[in-house]
């Protein structure tokens, strides 16, 4: 029996991304693979509080009005049918 874990490429994702307070911006996690990965986000390794950015489901977080309380570490979680990978 052989088990195949699909390759997930995250090389295009910038490790550090900056936003300007009060100005709409996006944080992007890029990945490709087969099957196509699903994107989920964590903030400081926890679920987002309700006032946090919108997760578009495509690897993009949209911040409509970034504020100091949004500062922290965001983790992009890539889920694929046969495995997963976490990108900080």
N, C-alpha and C. Protein backbone atom coordinates (compact mmCIF):
# COMPACT_ATOMS: atom_id res chain seq x y z
N UNK A 1 0.84 -1.17 0.00
CA UNK A 1 0.00 0.00 0.00
C UNK A 1 0.89 1.23 0.00
N UNK A 2 0.51 2.24 -0.81
CA UNK A 2 1.21 3.51 -0.83
C UNK A 2 0.25 4.62 -0.43
N UNK A 3 0.77 5.56 0.32
CA UNK A 3 -0.02 6.74 0.71
C UNK A 3 0.67 7.96 0.14
N UNK A 4 -0.07 8.77 -0.59
CA UNK A 4 0.50 9.98 -1.19
C UNK A 4 -0.01 11.20 -0.43
N UNK A 5 0.91 12.02 -0.01
CA UNK A 5 0.57 13.29 0.64
C UNK A 5 0.85 14.37 -0.40
N UNK A 6 -0.14 15.15 -0.77
CA UNK A 6 0.07 16.15 -1.81
C UNK A 6 1.05 17.24 -1.37
N UNK A 7 1.83 17.71 -2.30
CA UNK A 7 2.75 18.81 -2.02
C UNK A 7 1.96 20.11 -1.91
N UNK A 8 2.33 20.91 -0.94
CA UNK A 8 1.72 22.24 -0.79
C UNK A 8 2.85 23.25 -0.85
N UNK A 9 2.79 24.15 -1.80
CA UNK A 9 3.83 25.14 -2.00
C UNK A 9 3.39 26.47 -1.39
N UNK A 10 4.16 26.98 -0.42
CA UNK A 10 3.85 28.26 0.22
C UNK A 10 4.96 29.28 -0.02
N UNK A 11 5.81 29.05 -0.98
CA UNK A 11 6.97 29.92 -1.21
C UNK A 11 6.59 31.36 -1.53
N UNK A 12 5.42 31.60 -2.11
CA UNK A 12 5.04 32.96 -2.50
C UNK A 12 4.52 33.79 -1.33
N UNK A 13 4.30 33.18 -0.18
CA UNK A 13 3.77 33.91 0.97
C UNK A 13 4.89 34.67 1.67
N UNK A 14 4.67 35.97 1.86
CA UNK A 14 5.63 36.77 2.61
C UNK A 14 5.51 36.42 4.09
N UNK A 15 6.65 36.26 4.75
CA UNK A 15 6.64 35.92 6.17
C UNK A 15 6.23 37.11 7.03
N UNK A 16 6.59 38.32 6.62
CA UNK A 16 6.23 39.54 7.36
C UNK A 16 5.38 40.41 6.44
N UNK A 17 4.21 40.78 6.90
CA UNK A 17 3.33 41.66 6.14
C UNK A 17 2.87 42.77 7.07
N UNK A 18 2.85 43.99 6.56
CA UNK A 18 2.51 45.14 7.40
C UNK A 18 1.25 45.82 6.89
N UNK A 19 0.51 46.39 7.84
CA UNK A 19 -0.68 47.18 7.53
C UNK A 19 -0.51 48.57 8.14
N UNK A 20 -1.25 49.53 7.63
CA UNK A 20 -1.25 50.89 8.16
C UNK A 20 -2.52 51.08 8.97
N UNK A 21 -2.38 51.52 10.24
CA UNK A 21 -3.55 51.75 11.09
C UNK A 21 -4.55 52.66 10.38
N UNK A 22 -5.82 52.25 10.42
CA UNK A 22 -6.90 53.06 9.86
C UNK A 22 -7.07 52.96 8.36
N UNK A 23 -6.21 52.23 7.66
CA UNK A 23 -6.29 52.13 6.21
C UNK A 23 -6.53 50.68 5.81
N UNK A 24 -7.53 50.45 4.97
CA UNK A 24 -7.86 49.08 4.55
C UNK A 24 -6.62 48.38 4.00
N UNK A 25 -6.48 47.11 4.40
CA UNK A 25 -5.35 46.32 3.91
C UNK A 25 -5.65 44.85 3.98
N UNK A 26 -4.76 44.07 3.41
CA UNK A 26 -4.94 42.62 3.37
C UNK A 26 -3.66 41.91 3.80
N UNK A 27 -3.84 40.77 4.43
CA UNK A 27 -2.75 39.84 4.72
C UNK A 27 -3.06 38.60 3.89
N UNK A 28 -2.08 38.18 3.11
CA UNK A 28 -2.32 37.12 2.14
C UNK A 28 -1.44 35.90 2.43
N UNK A 29 -2.06 34.74 2.38
CA UNK A 29 -1.36 33.46 2.46
C UNK A 29 -1.59 32.77 1.12
N UNK A 30 -0.51 32.49 0.40
CA UNK A 30 -0.65 31.85 -0.91
C UNK A 30 -0.15 30.42 -0.85
N UNK A 31 -0.87 29.55 -1.47
CA UNK A 31 -0.46 28.15 -1.54
C UNK A 31 -1.13 27.50 -2.74
N UNK A 32 -0.45 26.54 -3.29
CA UNK A 32 -1.08 25.73 -4.33
C UNK A 32 -0.79 24.27 -4.04
N UNK A 33 -1.54 23.43 -4.61
CA UNK A 33 -1.39 22.00 -4.40
C UNK A 33 -2.59 21.27 -4.96
N UNK A 34 -2.52 19.97 -4.92
CA UNK A 34 -3.65 19.17 -5.37
C UNK A 34 -3.88 18.06 -4.36
N UNK A 35 -5.06 17.96 -3.82
CA UNK A 35 -6.18 18.87 -4.07
C UNK A 35 -5.90 20.25 -3.51
N UNK A 36 -6.64 21.23 -4.00
CA UNK A 36 -6.45 22.62 -3.58
C UNK A 36 -6.65 22.73 -2.07
N UNK A 37 -5.70 23.38 -1.38
CA UNK A 37 -5.84 23.49 0.09
C UNK A 37 -6.94 24.45 0.48
N UNK A 38 -7.50 24.22 1.66
CA UNK A 38 -8.46 25.15 2.27
C UNK A 38 -7.69 25.98 3.27
N UNK A 39 -8.04 27.25 3.38
CA UNK A 39 -7.33 28.19 4.25
C UNK A 39 -8.15 28.50 5.49
N UNK A 40 -7.49 28.50 6.63
CA UNK A 40 -8.08 28.93 7.90
C UNK A 40 -7.03 29.77 8.60
N UNK A 41 -7.47 30.69 9.44
CA UNK A 41 -6.55 31.59 10.12
C UNK A 41 -6.71 31.50 11.64
N UNK A 42 -5.58 31.69 12.33
CA UNK A 42 -5.58 31.83 13.78
C UNK A 42 -4.87 33.13 14.13
N UNK A 43 -5.25 33.73 15.25
CA UNK A 43 -4.60 34.93 15.76
C UNK A 43 -3.96 34.57 17.10
N UNK A 44 -2.62 34.71 17.18
CA UNK A 44 -1.89 34.30 18.39
C UNK A 44 -2.30 32.90 18.84
N UNK A 45 -2.42 32.00 17.85
CA UNK A 45 -2.79 30.58 18.04
C UNK A 45 -4.17 30.37 18.65
N UNK A 46 -5.07 31.35 18.49
CA UNK A 46 -6.45 31.24 18.97
C UNK A 46 -7.41 31.68 17.87
N UNK A 47 -8.69 31.42 18.09
CA UNK A 47 -9.71 31.89 17.15
C UNK A 47 -9.80 33.41 17.20
N UNK A 48 -10.27 34.01 16.13
CA UNK A 48 -10.40 35.46 16.07
C UNK A 48 -11.51 35.97 16.98
N UNK A 49 -11.26 37.11 17.66
CA UNK A 49 -12.37 37.80 18.33
C UNK A 49 -13.32 38.36 17.27
N UNK A 50 -14.57 38.66 17.62
CA UNK A 50 -15.56 39.10 16.64
C UNK A 50 -15.18 40.37 15.87
N UNK A 51 -14.40 41.27 16.46
CA UNK A 51 -14.07 42.54 15.80
C UNK A 51 -12.91 42.42 14.83
N UNK A 52 -12.45 41.20 14.58
CA UNK A 52 -11.26 41.03 13.76
C UNK A 52 -11.58 40.96 12.28
N UNK A 53 -10.55 40.85 11.45
CA UNK A 53 -10.74 40.95 10.00
C UNK A 53 -11.59 39.84 9.41
N UNK A 54 -11.98 40.08 8.19
CA UNK A 54 -12.81 39.14 7.46
C UNK A 54 -11.91 38.13 6.76
N UNK A 55 -12.18 36.84 6.99
CA UNK A 55 -11.48 35.75 6.31
C UNK A 55 -12.25 35.45 5.04
N UNK A 56 -11.65 35.71 3.90
CA UNK A 56 -12.33 35.53 2.62
C UNK A 56 -12.38 34.07 2.17
N UNK A 57 -11.71 33.17 2.89
CA UNK A 57 -11.72 31.76 2.53
C UNK A 57 -10.77 31.39 1.41
N UNK A 58 -10.07 32.39 0.86
CA UNK A 58 -9.14 32.15 -0.23
C UNK A 58 -7.69 32.40 0.17
N UNK A 59 -7.44 32.50 1.48
CA UNK A 59 -6.10 32.79 1.96
C UNK A 59 -5.86 34.26 2.22
N UNK A 60 -6.89 35.09 2.08
CA UNK A 60 -6.76 36.53 2.27
C UNK A 60 -7.57 36.99 3.47
N UNK A 61 -6.92 37.74 4.37
CA UNK A 61 -7.61 38.40 5.47
C UNK A 61 -7.76 39.86 5.10
N UNK A 62 -8.96 40.39 5.15
CA UNK A 62 -9.19 41.79 4.83
C UNK A 62 -9.42 42.56 6.12
N UNK A 63 -8.60 43.57 6.35
CA UNK A 63 -8.72 44.47 7.49
C UNK A 63 -9.33 45.77 6.96
N UNK A 64 -10.56 46.09 7.36
CA UNK A 64 -11.20 47.30 6.87
C UNK A 64 -10.77 48.54 7.64
N UNK A 65 -10.38 48.37 8.89
CA UNK A 65 -9.92 49.50 9.70
C UNK A 65 -8.92 48.98 10.73
N UNK A 66 -7.69 48.65 10.29
CA UNK A 66 -6.70 48.09 11.22
C UNK A 66 -6.46 49.03 12.41
N UNK A 67 -6.34 48.44 13.58
CA UNK A 67 -6.13 49.20 14.81
C UNK A 67 -5.06 48.49 15.63
N UNK A 68 -4.51 49.17 16.66
CA UNK A 68 -3.46 48.56 17.46
C UNK A 68 -3.84 47.20 18.05
N UNK A 69 -5.11 46.98 18.37
CA UNK A 69 -5.50 45.68 18.94
C UNK A 69 -5.41 44.54 17.93
N UNK A 70 -5.21 44.84 16.67
CA UNK A 70 -5.04 43.80 15.65
C UNK A 70 -3.59 43.33 15.53
N UNK A 71 -2.66 43.99 16.21
CA UNK A 71 -1.26 43.60 16.13
C UNK A 71 -1.08 42.22 16.77
N UNK A 72 -0.22 41.40 16.21
CA UNK A 72 0.03 40.07 16.75
C UNK A 72 0.47 39.12 15.67
N UNK A 73 0.49 37.85 15.99
CA UNK A 73 0.88 36.82 15.03
C UNK A 73 -0.36 36.17 14.44
N UNK A 74 -0.38 36.10 13.14
CA UNK A 74 -1.46 35.45 12.40
C UNK A 74 -0.88 34.19 11.77
N UNK A 75 -1.59 33.09 11.91
CA UNK A 75 -1.14 31.82 11.35
C UNK A 75 -2.13 31.37 10.28
N UNK A 76 -1.61 31.09 9.13
CA UNK A 76 -2.42 30.56 8.03
C UNK A 76 -2.34 29.04 8.11
N UNK A 77 -3.47 28.41 8.25
CA UNK A 77 -3.55 26.95 8.31
C UNK A 77 -4.04 26.45 6.95
N UNK A 78 -3.25 25.56 6.37
CA UNK A 78 -3.62 24.97 5.08
C UNK A 78 -4.06 23.54 5.32
N UNK A 79 -5.26 23.25 4.94
CA UNK A 79 -5.78 21.89 5.10
C UNK A 79 -5.99 21.27 3.72
N UNK A 80 -5.46 20.06 3.57
CA UNK A 80 -5.69 19.28 2.36
C UNK A 80 -6.21 17.92 2.79
N UNK A 81 -6.84 17.25 1.90
CA UNK A 81 -7.49 15.98 2.24
C UNK A 81 -6.54 14.99 2.90
N UNK A 82 -5.30 14.89 2.42
CA UNK A 82 -4.39 13.88 2.92
C UNK A 82 -3.39 14.39 3.96
N UNK A 83 -3.41 15.67 4.33
CA UNK A 83 -2.44 16.18 5.29
C UNK A 83 -2.66 17.66 5.52
N UNK A 84 -1.77 18.29 6.33
CA UNK A 84 -1.90 19.72 6.54
C UNK A 84 -0.53 20.32 6.81
N UNK A 85 -0.45 21.64 6.72
CA UNK A 85 0.78 22.37 6.96
C UNK A 85 0.41 23.72 7.57
N UNK A 86 1.19 24.20 8.56
CA UNK A 86 0.90 25.50 9.16
C UNK A 86 2.00 26.48 8.79
N UNK A 87 1.62 27.69 8.39
CA UNK A 87 2.56 28.73 8.01
C UNK A 87 2.36 29.92 8.90
N UNK A 88 3.43 30.39 9.55
CA UNK A 88 3.35 31.57 10.42
C UNK A 88 3.71 32.80 9.63
